[in-house]
């Protein structure tokens, strides 16, 4: 069930793909449903950004958009239009998760940081 929830929902379940170039081409060709799904996703991200800004009492220096969808020509603008009143929006396209993991392991090997052990809690998602 978790595989279904994590891997086959969102863009894939609504549009049959997670490829932003493909979805954006569909939007350019007039696919109103694809545009609606993209707008809904951007709104959801913007709402989460706004909610998280309250944790620092609104004192946000910048909002950083990163990951695969930051390469999109449409999504970052849709999000920025809704949240740039909070702080400047900076877009760093790309997925750097593997680099971050490698650099973290390197810090542990160099003794600059202590390795952490995470314990799975049964019955929790």
PDB file of N, CA and C in Angstrom:
ATOM      1  N   UNK A   1       0.820  -1.183   0.000  1.00  0.00           N
ATOM      2  CA  UNK A   1       0.000   0.000   0.000  1.00  0.00           C
ATOM      3  C   UNK A   1       0.871   1.257   0.000  1.00  0.00           C
ATOM      4  N   UNK A   2       1.954   1.229   0.825  1.00  0.00           N
ATOM      5  CA  UNK A   2       2.834   2.400   0.879  1.00  0.00           C
ATOM      6  C   UNK A   2       3.465   2.658  -0.484  1.00  0.00           C
ATOM      7  N   UNK A   3       3.808   1.582  -1.211  1.00  0.00           N
ATOM      8  CA  UNK A   3       4.379   1.742  -2.550  1.00  0.00           C
ATOM      9  C   UNK A   3       3.383   2.454  -3.471  1.00  0.00           C
ATOM     10  N   UNK A   4       2.131   2.089  -3.362  1.00  0.00           N
ATOM     11  CA  UNK A   4       1.089   2.735  -4.162  1.00  0.00           C
ATOM     12  C   UNK A   4       0.955   4.208  -3.793  1.00  0.00           C
ATOM     13  N   UNK A   5       0.918   4.492  -2.482  1.00  0.00           N
ATOM     14  CA  UNK A   5       0.726   5.862  -2.017  1.00  0.00           C
ATOM     15  C   UNK A   5       1.911   6.743  -2.388  1.00  0.00           C
ATOM     16  N   UNK A   6       3.120   6.216  -2.184  1.00  0.00           N
ATOM     17  CA  UNK A   6       4.319   7.016  -2.424  1.00  0.00           C
ATOM     18  C   UNK A   6       4.692   7.115  -3.898  1.00  0.00           C
ATOM     19  N   UNK A   7       4.419   6.069  -4.666  1.00  0.00           N
ATOM     20  CA  UNK A   7       4.926   6.049  -6.034  1.00  0.00           C
ATOM     21  C   UNK A   7       3.917   6.281  -7.131  1.00  0.00           C
ATOM     22  N   UNK A   8       2.643   6.157  -6.825  1.00  0.00           N
ATOM     23  CA  UNK A   8       1.661   6.229  -7.900  1.00  0.00           C
ATOM     24  C   UNK A   8       0.553   7.225  -7.595  1.00  0.00           C
ATOM     25  N   UNK A   9       0.939   8.341  -7.004  1.00  0.00           N
ATOM     26  CA  UNK A   9      -0.073   9.353  -6.704  1.00  0.00           C
ATOM     27  C   UNK A   9       0.366  10.673  -7.312  1.00  0.00           C
ATOM     28  N   UNK A  10      -0.277  11.746  -6.937  1.00  0.00           N
ATOM     29  CA  UNK A  10       0.110  13.061  -7.429  1.00  0.00           C
ATOM     30  C   UNK A  10      -0.015  13.201  -8.931  1.00  0.00           C
ATOM     31  N   UNK A  11       1.021  13.771  -9.529  1.00  0.00           N
ATOM     32  CA  UNK A  11       1.006  14.013 -10.978  1.00  0.00           C
ATOM     33  C   UNK A  11       0.760  12.729 -11.761  1.00  0.00           C
ATOM     34  N   UNK A  12       1.412  11.652 -11.349  1.00  0.00           N
ATOM     35  CA  UNK A  12       1.281  10.388 -12.074  1.00  0.00           C
ATOM     36  C   UNK A  12      -0.157   9.901 -12.094  1.00  0.00           C
ATOM     37  N   UNK A  13      -0.839   9.957 -10.964  1.00  0.00           N
ATOM     38  CA  UNK A  13      -2.211   9.463 -10.929  1.00  0.00           C
ATOM     39  C   UNK A  13      -3.164  10.353 -11.712  1.00  0.00           C
ATOM     40  N   UNK A  14      -2.896  11.657 -11.720  1.00  0.00           N
ATOM     41  CA  UNK A  14      -3.794  12.576 -12.425  1.00  0.00           C
ATOM     42  C   UNK A  14      -3.488  12.682 -13.918  1.00  0.00           C
ATOM     43  N   UNK A  15      -2.205  12.674 -14.260  1.00  0.00           N
ATOM     44  CA  UNK A  15      -1.824  12.975 -15.647  1.00  0.00           C
ATOM     45  C   UNK A  15      -1.102  11.833 -16.357  1.00  0.00           C
ATOM     46  N   UNK A  16      -0.836  10.751 -15.628  1.00  0.00           N
ATOM     47  CA  UNK A  16      -0.188   9.596 -16.242  1.00  0.00           C
ATOM     48  C   UNK A  16       1.305   9.769 -16.455  1.00  0.00           C
ATOM     49  N   UNK A  17       1.892  10.832 -15.914  1.00  0.00           N
ATOM     50  CA  UNK A  17       3.318  11.090 -16.058  1.00  0.00           C
ATOM     51  C   UNK A  17       3.788  12.015 -14.944  1.00  0.00           C
ATOM     52  N   UNK A  18       5.087  11.978 -14.692  1.00  0.00           N
ATOM     53  CA  UNK A  18       5.688  12.939 -13.766  1.00  0.00           C
ATOM     54  C   UNK A  18       6.671  13.842 -14.504  1.00  0.00           C
ATOM     55  N   UNK A  19       6.699  13.732 -15.813  1.00  0.00           N
ATOM     56  CA  UNK A  19       7.623  14.516 -16.636  1.00  0.00           C
ATOM     57  C   UNK A  19       7.111  15.948 -16.802  1.00  0.00           C
ATOM     58  N   UNK A  20       7.810  16.905 -16.171  1.00  0.00           N
ATOM     59  CA  UNK A  20       7.353  18.288 -16.283  1.00  0.00           C
ATOM     60  C   UNK A  20       7.413  18.807 -17.719  1.00  0.00           C
ATOM     61  N   UNK A  21       8.435  18.463 -18.537  1.00  0.00           N
ATOM     62  CA  UNK A  21       8.391  18.935 -19.926  1.00  0.00           C
ATOM     63  C   UNK A  21       7.156  18.426 -20.677  1.00  0.00           C
ATOM     64  N   UNK A  22       6.806  17.169 -20.430  1.00  0.00           N
ATOM     65  CA  UNK A  22       5.631  16.603 -21.088  1.00  0.00           C
ATOM     66  C   UNK A  22       4.347  17.294 -20.621  1.00  0.00           C
ATOM     67  N   UNK A  23       4.226  17.511 -19.324  1.00  0.00           N
ATOM     68  CA  UNK A  23       3.028  18.162 -18.775  1.00  0.00           C
ATOM     69  C   UNK A  23       2.939  19.597 -19.290  1.00  0.00           C
ATOM     70  N   UNK A  24       4.061  20.300 -19.310  1.00  0.00           N
ATOM     71  CA  UNK A  24       4.050  21.690 -19.764  1.00  0.00           C
ATOM     72  C   UNK A  24       3.728  21.797 -21.251  1.00  0.00           C
ATOM     73  N   UNK A  25       4.152  20.804 -22.022  1.00  0.00           N
ATOM     74  CA  UNK A  25       3.779  20.776 -23.442  1.00  0.00           C
ATOM     75  C   UNK A  25       2.269  20.612 -23.574  1.00  0.00           C
ATOM     76  N   UNK A  26       1.705  19.742 -22.745  1.00  0.00           N
ATOM     77  CA  UNK A  26       0.256  19.541 -22.762  1.00  0.00           C
ATOM     78  C   UNK A  26      -0.467  20.832 -22.391  1.00  0.00           C
ATOM     79  N   UNK A  27       0.056  21.551 -21.408  1.00  0.00           N
ATOM     80  CA  UNK A  27      -0.557  22.815 -21.004  1.00  0.00           C
ATOM     81  C   UNK A  27      -0.487  23.820 -22.149  1.00  0.00           C
ATOM     82  N   UNK A  28       0.675  23.914 -22.802  1.00  0.00           N
ATOM     83  CA  UNK A  28       0.834  24.820 -23.954  1.00  0.00           C
ATOM     84  C   UNK A  28      -0.128  24.475 -25.082  1.00  0.00           C
ATOM     85  N   UNK A  29      -0.454  23.194 -25.215  1.00  0.00           N
ATOM     86  CA  UNK A  29      -1.370  22.736 -26.268  1.00  0.00           C
ATOM     87  C   UNK A  29      -2.833  22.861 -25.849  1.00  0.00           C
ATOM     88  N   UNK A  30      -3.067  23.427 -24.651  1.00  0.00           N
ATOM     89  CA  UNK A  30      -4.443  23.707 -24.240  1.00  0.00           C
ATOM     90  C   UNK A  30      -5.080  22.697 -23.311  1.00  0.00           C
ATOM     91  N   UNK A  31      -4.310  21.790 -22.724  1.00  0.00           N
ATOM     92  CA  UNK A  31      -4.858  20.802 -21.799  1.00  0.00           C
ATOM     93  C   UNK A  31      -5.201  21.502 -20.482  1.00  0.00           C
ATOM     94  N   UNK A  32      -6.462  21.835 -20.300  1.00  0.00           N
ATOM     95  CA  UNK A  32      -6.916  22.570 -19.127  1.00  0.00           C
ATOM     96  C   UNK A  32      -6.807  21.741 -17.843  1.00  0.00           C
ATOM     97  N   UNK A  33      -6.994  20.433 -17.959  1.00  0.00           N
ATOM     98  CA  UNK A  33      -6.893  19.589 -16.771  1.00  0.00           C
ATOM     99  C   UNK A  33      -5.449  19.558 -16.269  1.00  0.00           C
ATOM    100  N   UNK A  34      -4.486  19.440 -17.177  1.00  0.00           N
ATOM    101  CA  UNK A  34      -3.071  19.455 -16.782  1.00  0.00           C
ATOM    102  C   UNK A  34      -2.727  20.778 -16.103  1.00  0.00           C
ATOM    103  N   UNK A  35      -3.246  21.869 -16.638  1.00  0.00           N
ATOM    104  CA  UNK A  35      -3.010  23.187 -16.035  1.00  0.00           C
ATOM    105  C   UNK A  35      -3.623  23.258 -14.639  1.00  0.00           C
ATOM    106  N   UNK A  36      -4.816  22.726 -14.483  1.00  0.00           N
ATOM    107  CA  UNK A  36      -5.489  22.725 -13.180  1.00  0.00           C
ATOM    108  C   UNK A  36      -4.691  21.923 -12.149  1.00  0.00           C
ATOM    109  N   UNK A  37      -4.186  20.761 -12.558  1.00  0.00           N
ATOM    110  CA  UNK A  37      -3.398  19.918 -11.644  1.00  0.00           C
ATOM    111  C   UNK A  37      -2.122  20.645 -11.243  1.00  0.00           C
ATOM    112  N   UNK A  38      -1.450  21.265 -12.198  1.00  0.00           N
ATOM    113  CA  UNK A  38      -0.227  22.029 -11.901  1.00  0.00           C
ATOM    114  C   UNK A  38      -0.524  23.180 -10.947  1.00  0.00           C
ATOM    115  N   UNK A  39      -1.618  23.900 -11.196  1.00  0.00           N
ATOM    116  CA  UNK A  39      -1.987  25.018 -10.328  1.00  0.00           C
ATOM    117  C   UNK A  39      -2.317  24.539  -8.914  1.00  0.00           C
ATOM    118  N   UNK A  40      -2.983  23.402  -8.817  1.00  0.00           N
ATOM    119  CA  UNK A  40      -3.323  22.853  -7.504  1.00  0.00           C
ATOM    120  C   UNK A  40      -2.059  22.455  -6.749  1.00  0.00           C
ATOM    121  N   UNK A  41      -1.105  21.867  -7.456  1.00  0.00           N
ATOM    122  CA  UNK A  41       0.144  21.488  -6.817  1.00  0.00           C
ATOM    123  C   UNK A  41       0.912  22.727  -6.347  1.00  0.00           C
ATOM    124  N   UNK A  42       0.979  23.738  -7.180  1.00  0.00           N
ATOM    125  CA  UNK A  42       1.672  24.976  -6.818  1.00  0.00           C
ATOM    126  C   UNK A  42       0.998  25.635  -5.620  1.00  0.00           C
ATOM    127  N   UNK A  43      -0.314  25.639  -5.585  1.00  0.00           N
ATOM    128  CA  UNK A  43      -1.048  26.211  -4.456  1.00  0.00           C
ATOM    129  C   UNK A  43      -0.744  25.446  -3.174  1.00  0.00           C
ATOM    130  N   UNK A  44      -0.712  24.127  -3.261  1.00  0.00           N
ATOM    131  CA  UNK A  44      -0.413  23.310  -2.091  1.00  0.00           C
ATOM    132  C   UNK A  44       0.985  23.608  -1.552  1.00  0.00           C
ATOM    133  N   UNK A  45       1.966  23.700  -2.431  1.00  0.00           N
ATOM    134  CA  UNK A  45       3.333  24.025  -2.005  1.00  0.00           C
ATOM    135  C   UNK A  45       3.365  25.412  -1.375  1.00  0.00           C
ATOM    136  N   UNK A  46       2.707  26.372  -2.004  1.00  0.00           N
ATOM    137  CA  UNK A  46       2.684  27.744  -1.482  1.00  0.00           C
ATOM    138  C   UNK A  46       2.040  27.793  -0.100  1.00  0.00           C
ATOM    139  N   UNK A  47       0.980  27.032   0.109  1.00  0.00           N
ATOM    140  CA  UNK A  47       0.329  27.000   1.421  1.00  0.00           C
ATOM    141  C   UNK A  47       1.262  26.439   2.479  1.00  0.00           C
ATOM    142  N   UNK A  48       2.030  25.431   2.139  1.00  0.00           N
ATOM    143  CA  UNK A  48       2.983  24.860   3.096  1.00  0.00           C
ATOM    144  C   UNK A  48       4.098  25.853   3.411  1.00  0.00           C
ATOM    145  N   UNK A  49       4.578  26.560   2.396  1.00  0.00           N
ATOM    146  CA  UNK A  49       5.606  27.585   2.625  1.00  0.00           C
ATOM    147  C   UNK A  49       5.072  28.653   3.565  1.00  0.00           C
ATOM    148  N   UNK A  50       3.870  29.129   3.288  1.00  0.00           N
ATOM    149  CA  UNK A  50       3.272  30.166   4.134  1.00  0.00           C
ATOM    150  C   UNK A  50       3.091  29.663   5.566  1.00  0.00           C
ATOM    151  N   UNK A  51       2.627  28.440   5.715  1.00  0.00           N
ATOM    152  CA  UNK A  51       2.435  27.885   7.054  1.00  0.00           C
ATOM    153  C   UNK A  51       3.767  27.783   7.789  1.00  0.00           C
ATOM    154  N   UNK A  52       4.806  27.339   7.103  1.00  0.00           N
ATOM    155  CA  UNK A  52       6.109  27.205   7.752  1.00  0.00           C
ATOM    156  C   UNK A  52       6.719  28.553   8.108  1.00  0.00           C
ATOM    157  N   UNK A  53       6.338  29.601   7.413  1.00  0.00           N
ATOM    158  CA  UNK A  53       6.889  30.920   7.729  1.00  0.00           C
ATOM    159  C   UNK A  53       6.473  31.370   9.129  1.00  0.00           C
ATOM    160  N   UNK A  54       5.391  30.819   9.627  1.00  0.00           N
ATOM    161  CA  UNK A  54       4.953  31.189  10.977  1.00  0.00           C
ATOM    162  C   UNK A  54       5.880  30.629  12.048  1.00  0.00           C
ATOM    163  N   UNK A  55       6.633  29.584  11.735  1.00  0.00           N
ATOM    164  CA  UNK A  55       7.532  29.001  12.737  1.00  0.00           C
ATOM    165  C   UNK A  55       8.701  29.919  13.064  1.00  0.00           C
ATOM    166  N   UNK A  56       8.976  30.870  12.181  1.00  0.00           N
ATOM    167  CA  UNK A  56      10.044  31.852  12.437  1.00  0.00           C
ATOM    168  C   UNK A  56       9.452  33.256  12.547  1.00  0.00           C
ATOM    169  N   UNK A  57       8.175  33.298  12.935  1.00  0.00           N
ATOM    170  CA  UNK A  57       7.461  34.568  13.123  1.00  0.00           C
ATOM    171  C   UNK A  57       7.513  35.463  11.894  1.00  0.00           C
ATOM    172  N   UNK A  58       7.516  34.844  10.719  1.00  0.00           N
ATOM    173  CA  UNK A  58       7.513  35.605   9.476  1.00  0.00           C
ATOM    174  C   UNK A  58       8.854  36.204   9.088  1.00  0.00           C
ATOM    175  N   UNK A  59       9.876  35.960   9.872  1.00  0.00           N
ATOM    176  CA  UNK A  59      11.210  36.515   9.594  1.00  0.00           C
ATOM    177  C   UNK A  59      11.967  35.569   8.661  1.00  0.00           C
ATOM    178  N   UNK A  60      11.581  35.583   7.411  1.00  0.00           N
ATOM    179  CA  UNK A  60      12.138  34.686   6.399  1.00  0.00           C
ATOM    180  C   UNK A  60      13.084  35.488   5.521  1.00  0.00           C
ATOM    181  N   UNK A  61      14.329  35.030   5.414  1.00  0.00           N
ATOM    182  CA  UNK A  61      15.313  35.723   4.576  1.00  0.00           C
ATOM    183  C   UNK A  61      15.096  35.431   3.096  1.00  0.00           C
ATOM    184  N   UNK A  62      14.778  34.174   2.787  1.00  0.00           N
ATOM    185  CA  UNK A  62      14.564  33.776   1.397  1.00  0.00           C
ATOM    186  C   UNK A  62      13.786  32.471   1.368  1.00  0.00           C
ATOM    187  N   UNK A  63      13.100  32.250   0.284  1.00  0.00           N
ATOM    188  CA  UNK A  63      12.398  30.995   0.040  1.00  0.00           C
ATOM    189  C   UNK A  63      13.148  30.318  -1.091  1.00  0.00           C
ATOM    190  N   UNK A  64      13.660  29.123  -0.829  1.00  0.00           N
ATOM    191  CA  UNK A  64      14.467  28.406  -1.803  1.00  0.00           C
ATOM    192  C   UNK A  64      13.629  27.292  -2.415  1.00  0.00           C
ATOM    193  N   UNK A  65      13.502  27.305  -3.728  1.00  0.00           N
ATOM    194  CA  UNK A  65      12.825  26.226  -4.448  1.00  0.00           C
ATOM    195  C   UNK A  65      13.901  25.393  -5.130  1.00  0.00           C
ATOM    196  N   UNK A  66      13.893  24.093  -4.869  1.00  0.00           N
ATOM    197  CA  UNK A  66      14.890  23.211  -5.450  1.00  0.00           C
ATOM    198  C   UNK A  66      14.242  21.887  -5.824  1.00  0.00           C
ATOM    199  N   UNK A  67      15.021  20.989  -6.368  1.00  0.00           N
ATOM    200  CA  UNK A  67      14.489  19.693  -6.775  1.00  0.00           C
ATOM    201  C   UNK A  67      14.196  19.657  -8.256  1.00  0.00           C
ATOM    202  N   UNK A  68      13.678  18.543  -8.681  1.00  0.00           N
ATOM    203  CA  UNK A  68      13.409  18.341 -10.098  1.00  0.00           C
ATOM    204  C   UNK A  68      12.423  19.326 -10.689  1.00  0.00           C
ATOM    205  N   UNK A  69      11.361  19.630  -9.957  1.00  0.00           N
ATOM    206  CA  UNK A  69      10.359  20.555 -10.494  1.00  0.00           C
ATOM    207  C   UNK A  69      10.837  21.999 -10.541  1.00  0.00           C
ATOM    208  N   UNK A  70      11.942  22.308  -9.859  1.00  0.00           N
ATOM    209  CA  UNK A  70      12.490  23.663  -9.952  1.00  0.00           C
ATOM    210  C   UNK A  70      13.061  23.914 -11.349  1.00  0.00           C
ATOM    211  N   UNK A  71      13.256  22.840 -12.117  1.00  0.00           N
ATOM    212  CA  UNK A  71      13.705  22.977 -13.512  1.00  0.00           C
ATOM    213  C   UNK A  71      12.554  23.401 -14.425  1.00  0.00           C
ATOM    214  N   UNK A  72      11.350  23.293 -13.914  1.00  0.00           N
ATOM    215  CA  UNK A  72      10.154  23.620 -14.678  1.00  0.00           C
ATOM    216  C   UNK A  72      10.143  25.095 -15.073  1.00  0.00           C
ATOM    217  N   UNK A  73       9.545  25.382 -16.199  1.00  0.00           N
ATOM    218  CA  UNK A  73       9.373  26.768 -16.632  1.00  0.00           C
ATOM    219  C   UNK A  73       8.139  27.405 -15.998  1.00  0.00           C
ATOM    220  N   UNK A  74       7.259  26.582 -15.433  1.00  0.00           N
ATOM    221  CA  UNK A  74       5.970  27.077 -14.961  1.00  0.00           C
ATOM    222  C   UNK A  74       5.824  27.040 -13.439  1.00  0.00           C
ATOM    223  N   UNK A  75       6.122  25.901 -12.817  1.00  0.00           N
ATOM    224  CA  UNK A  75       5.856  25.697 -11.388  1.00  0.00           C
ATOM    225  C   UNK A  75       6.527  26.738 -10.484  1.00  0.00           C
ATOM    226  N   UNK A  76       7.830  27.025 -10.650  1.00  0.00           N
ATOM    227  CA  UNK A  76       8.433  28.015  -9.739  1.00  0.00           C
ATOM    228  C   UNK A  76       7.728  29.371  -9.772  1.00  0.00           C
ATOM    229  N   UNK A  77       7.304  29.797 -10.951  1.00  0.00           N
ATOM    230  CA  UNK A  77       6.600  31.083 -11.062  1.00  0.00           C
ATOM    231  C   UNK A  77       5.234  31.010 -10.380  1.00  0.00           C
ATOM    232  N   UNK A  78       4.533  29.898 -10.575  1.00  0.00           N
ATOM    233  CA  UNK A  78       3.224  29.737  -9.928  1.00  0.00           C
ATOM    234  C   UNK A  78       3.360  29.814  -8.404  1.00  0.00           C
ATOM    235  N   UNK A  79       4.419  29.197  -7.876  1.00  0.00           N
ATOM    236  CA  UNK A  79       4.639  29.221  -6.435  1.00  0.00           C
ATOM    237  C   UNK A  79       5.081  30.613  -5.992  1.00  0.00           C
ATOM    238  N   UNK A  80       6.054  31.176  -6.705  1.00  0.00           N
ATOM    239  CA  UNK A  80       6.593  32.497  -6.335  1.00  0.00           C
ATOM    240  C   UNK A  80       5.506  33.559  -6.339  1.00  0.00           C
ATOM    241  N   UNK A  81       4.606  33.515  -7.306  1.00  0.00           N
ATOM    242  CA  UNK A  81       3.522  34.498  -7.368  1.00  0.00           C
ATOM    243  C   UNK A  81       2.704  34.515  -6.076  1.00  0.00           C
ATOM    244  N   UNK A  82       2.640  33.368  -5.395  1.00  0.00           N
ATOM    245  CA  UNK A  82       1.823  33.264  -4.184  1.00  0.00           C
ATOM    246  C   UNK A  82       2.597  33.540  -2.892  1.00  0.00           C
ATOM    247  N   UNK A  83       3.940  33.444  -2.925  1.00  0.00           N
ATOM    248  CA  UNK A  83       4.685  33.550  -1.665  1.00  0.00           C
ATOM    249  C   UNK A  83       5.741  34.651  -1.640  1.00  0.00           C
ATOM    250  N   UNK A  84       5.969  35.335  -2.746  1.00  0.00           N
ATOM    251  CA  UNK A  84       7.049  36.324  -2.765  1.00  0.00           C
ATOM    252  C   UNK A  84       6.786  37.513  -1.838  1.00  0.00           C
ATOM    253  N   UNK A  85       5.561  37.660  -1.345  1.00  0.00           N
ATOM    254  CA  UNK A  85       5.291  38.708  -0.362  1.00  0.00           C
ATOM    255  C   UNK A  85       5.926  38.375   0.987  1.00  0.00           C
ATOM    256  N   UNK A  86       6.248  37.092   1.210  1.00  0.00           N
ATOM    257  CA  UNK A  86       6.864  36.660   2.464  1.00  0.00           C
ATOM    258  C   UNK A  86       8.359  36.968   2.441  1.00  0.00           C
ATOM    259  N   UNK A  87       9.009  36.622   1.322  1.00  0.00           N
ATOM    260  CA  UNK A  87      10.458  36.820   1.173  1.00  0.00           C
ATOM    261  C   UNK A  87      10.821  36.590  -0.286  1.00  0.00           C
ATOM    262  N   UNK A  88      12.010  37.039  -0.697  1.00  0.00           N
ATOM    263  CA  UNK A  88      12.436  36.772  -2.074  1.00  0.00           C
ATOM    264  C   UNK A  88      12.490  35.269  -2.341  1.00  0.00           C
ATOM    265  N   UNK A  89      12.138  34.892  -3.560  1.00  0.00           N
ATOM    266  CA  UNK A  89      12.152  33.481  -3.953  1.00  0.00           C
ATOM    267  C   UNK A  89      13.378  33.236  -4.839  1.00  0.00           C
ATOM    268  N   UNK A  90      14.151  32.216  -4.468  1.00  0.00           N
ATOM    269  CA  UNK A  90      15.345  31.837  -5.212  1.00  0.00           C
ATOM    270  C   UNK A  90      15.138  30.420  -5.722  1.00  0.00           C
ATOM    271  N   UNK A  91      15.455  30.186  -6.987  1.00  0.00           N
ATOM    272  CA  UNK A  91      15.264  28.867  -7.579  1.00  0.00           C
ATOM    273  C   UNK A  91      16.628  28.242  -7.869  1.00  0.00           C
ATOM    274  N   UNK A  92      16.856  27.066  -7.294  1.00  0.00           N
ATOM    275  CA  UNK A  92      18.056  26.268  -7.553  1.00  0.00           C
ATOM    276  C   UNK A  92      17.601  24.953  -8.157  1.00  0.00           C
ATOM    277  N   UNK A  93      17.518  24.883  -9.492  1.00  0.00           N
ATOM    278  CA  UNK A  93      17.047  23.648 -10.122  1.00  0.00           C
ATOM    279  C   UNK A  93      17.999  22.485  -9.876  1.00  0.00           C
ATOM    280  N   UNK A  94      17.450  21.319  -9.814  1.00  0.00           N
ATOM    281  CA  UNK A  94      18.265  20.117  -9.694  1.00  0.00           C
ATOM    282  C   UNK A  94      17.967  19.353  -8.432  1.00  0.00           C
ATOM    283  N   UNK A  95      18.398  18.128  -8.469  1.00  0.00           N
ATOM    284  CA  UNK A  95      18.197  17.234  -7.341  1.00  0.00           C
ATOM    285  C   UNK A  95      19.566  16.898  -6.771  1.00  0.00           C
ATOM    286  N   UNK A  96      19.857  17.436  -5.605  1.00  0.00           N
ATOM    287  CA  UNK A  96      21.175  17.287  -5.012  1.00  0.00           C
ATOM    288  C   UNK A  96      21.187  16.341  -3.823  1.00  0.00           C
ATOM    289  N   UNK A  97      20.164  15.494  -3.696  1.00  0.00           N
ATOM    290  CA  UNK A  97      20.066  14.627  -2.530  1.00  0.00           C
ATOM    291  C   UNK A  97      21.255  13.684  -2.417  1.00  0.00           C
ATOM    292  N   UNK A  98      21.694  13.092  -3.521  1.00  0.00           N
ATOM    293  CA  UNK A  98      22.802  12.145  -3.459  1.00  0.00           C
ATOM    294  C   UNK A  98      24.097  12.849  -3.064  1.00  0.00           C
ATOM    295  N   UNK A  99      24.321  14.049  -3.574  1.00  0.00           N
ATOM    296  CA  UNK A  99      25.502  14.817  -3.171  1.00  0.00           C
ATOM    297  C   UNK A  99      25.459  15.103  -1.674  1.00  0.00           C
ATOM    298  N   UNK A 100      24.291  15.489  -1.178  1.00  0.00           N
ATOM    299  CA  UNK A 100      24.148  15.793   0.248  1.00  0.00           C
ATOM    300  C   UNK A 100      24.445  14.571   1.098  1.00  0.00           C
ATOM    301  N   UNK A 101      23.954  13.404   0.689  1.00  0.00           N
ATOM    302  CA  UNK A 101      24.237  12.176   1.427  1.00  0.00           C
ATOM    303  C   UNK A 101      25.735  11.856   1.410  1.00  0.00           C
ATOM    304  N   UNK A 102      26.366  12.011   0.249  1.00  0.00           N
ATOM    305  CA  UNK A 102      27.803  11.730   0.135  1.00  0.00           C
ATOM    306  C   UNK A 102      28.619  12.681   1.008  1.00  0.00           C
ATOM    307  N   UNK A 103      28.283  13.960   0.983  1.00  0.00           N
ATOM    308  CA  UNK A 103      29.016  14.928   1.799  1.00  0.00           C
ATOM    309  C   UNK A 103      28.799  14.673   3.294  1.00  0.00           C
ATOM    310  N   UNK A 104      27.590  14.237   3.663  1.00  0.00           N
ATOM    311  CA  UNK A 104      27.318  13.894   5.053  1.00  0.00           C
ATOM    312  C   UNK A 104      28.163  12.702   5.496  1.00  0.00           C
ATOM    313  N   UNK A 105      28.248  11.678   4.657  1.00  0.00           N
ATOM    314  CA  UNK A 105      29.082  10.517   4.978  1.00  0.00           C
ATOM    315  C   UNK A 105      30.545  10.928   5.097  1.00  0.00           C
ATOM    316  N   UNK A 106      30.986  11.811   4.228  1.00  0.00           N
ATOM    317  CA  UNK A 106      32.369  12.280   4.274  1.00  0.00           C
ATOM    318  C   UNK A 106      32.660  13.023   5.586  1.00  0.00           C
ATOM    319  N   UNK A 107      31.703  13.838   6.038  1.00  0.00           N
ATOM    320  CA  UNK A 107      31.889  14.543   7.316  1.00  0.00           C
ATOM    321  C   UNK A 107      32.020  13.551   8.480  1.00  0.00           C
ATOM    322  N   UNK A 108      31.237  12.477   8.438  1.00  0.00           N
ATOM    323  CA  UNK A 108      31.327  11.451   9.485  1.00  0.00           C
ATOM    324  C   UNK A 108      32.684  10.764   9.410  1.00  0.00           C
ATOM    325  N   UNK A 109      33.125  10.385   8.210  1.00  0.00           N
ATOM    326  CA  UNK A 109      34.414   9.706   8.053  1.00  0.00           C
ATOM    327  C   UNK A 109      35.582  10.584   8.500  1.00  0.00           C
ATOM    328  N   UNK A 110      35.452  11.878   8.326  1.00  0.00           N
ATOM    329  CA  UNK A 110      36.511  12.808   8.741  1.00  0.00           C
ATOM    330  C   UNK A 110      36.434  13.153  10.228  1.00  0.00           C
ATOM    331  N   UNK A 111      35.398  12.667  10.902  1.00  0.00           N
ATOM    332  CA  UNK A 111      35.240  12.950  12.323  1.00  0.00           C
ATOM    333  C   UNK A 111      34.669  14.333  12.605  1.00  0.00           C
ATOM    334  N   UNK A 112      34.132  14.991  11.587  1.00  0.00           N
ATOM    335  CA  UNK A 112      33.573  16.337  11.744  1.00  0.00           C
ATOM    336  C   UNK A 112      32.148  16.298  12.281  1.00  0.00           C
ATOM    337  N   UNK A 113      31.531  15.136  12.197  1.00  0.00           N
ATOM    338  CA  UNK A 113      30.129  14.982  12.585  1.00  0.00           C
ATOM    339  C   UNK A 113      29.946  13.551  13.067  1.00  0.00           C
ATOM    340  N   UNK A 114      29.032  13.353  13.998  1.00  0.00           N
ATOM    341  CA  UNK A 114      28.758  12.013  14.500  1.00  0.00           C
ATOM    342  C   UNK A 114      27.607  11.385  13.716  1.00  0.00           C
ATOM    343  N   UNK A 115      27.773  10.119  13.372  1.00  0.00           N
ATOM    344  CA  UNK A 115      26.711   9.402  12.654  1.00  0.00           C
ATOM    345  C   UNK A 115      25.498   9.253  13.561  1.00  0.00           C
ATOM    346  N   UNK A 116      24.334   9.367  12.981  1.00  0.00           N
ATOM    347  CA  UNK A 116      23.094   9.209  13.743  1.00  0.00           C
ATOM    348  C   UNK A 116      22.432   7.902  13.344  1.00  0.00           C
ATOM    349  N   UNK A 117      21.779   7.275  14.289  1.00  0.00           N
ATOM    350  CA  UNK A 117      21.040   6.049  14.021  1.00  0.00           C
ATOM    351  C   UNK A 117      19.561   6.366  14.164  1.00  0.00           C
ATOM    352  N   UNK A 118      18.817   6.065  13.128  1.00  0.00           N
ATOM    353  CA  UNK A 118      17.377   6.313  13.153  1.00  0.00           C
ATOM    354  C   UNK A 118      16.683   4.978  13.334  1.00  0.00           C
ATOM    355  N   UNK A 119      15.753   4.936  14.263  1.00  0.00           N
ATOM    356  CA  UNK A 119      15.053   3.710  14.607  1.00  0.00           C
ATOM    357  C   UNK A 119      13.636   3.780  14.037  1.00  0.00           C
ATOM    358  N   UNK A 120      13.275   2.750  13.324  1.00  0.00           N
ATOM    359  CA  UNK A 120      11.916   2.687  12.782  1.00  0.00           C
ATOM    360  C   UNK A 120      10.936   2.422  13.916  1.00  0.00           C
ATOM    361  N   UNK A 121       9.877   3.185  13.960  1.00  0.00           N
ATOM    362  CA  UNK A 121       8.832   2.999  14.972  1.00  0.00           C
ATOM    363  C   UNK A 121       7.695   2.264  14.299  1.00  0.00           C
ATOM    364  N   UNK A 122       7.431   1.068  14.755  1.00  0.00           N
ATOM    365  CA  UNK A 122       6.377   0.241  14.157  1.00  0.00           C
ATOM    366  C   UNK A 122       5.007   0.885  14.348  1.00  0.00           C
ATOM    367  N   UNK A 123       4.157   0.719  13.356  1.00  0.00           N
ATOM    368  CA  UNK A 123       2.809   1.238  13.446  1.00  0.00           C
ATOM    369  C   UNK A 123       2.678   2.690  13.059  1.00  0.00           C
ATOM    370  N   UNK A 124       3.768   3.322  12.698  1.00  0.00           N
ATOM    371  CA  UNK A 124       3.750   4.732  12.299  1.00  0.00           C
ATOM    372  C   UNK A 124       4.060   4.831  10.818  1.00  0.00           C
ATOM    373  N   UNK A 125       3.534   5.850  10.208  1.00  0.00           N
ATOM    374  CA  UNK A 125       3.813   6.086   8.782  1.00  0.00           C
ATOM    375  C   UNK A 125       5.011   6.994   8.677  1.00  0.00           C
TER     376      UNK A 125
END
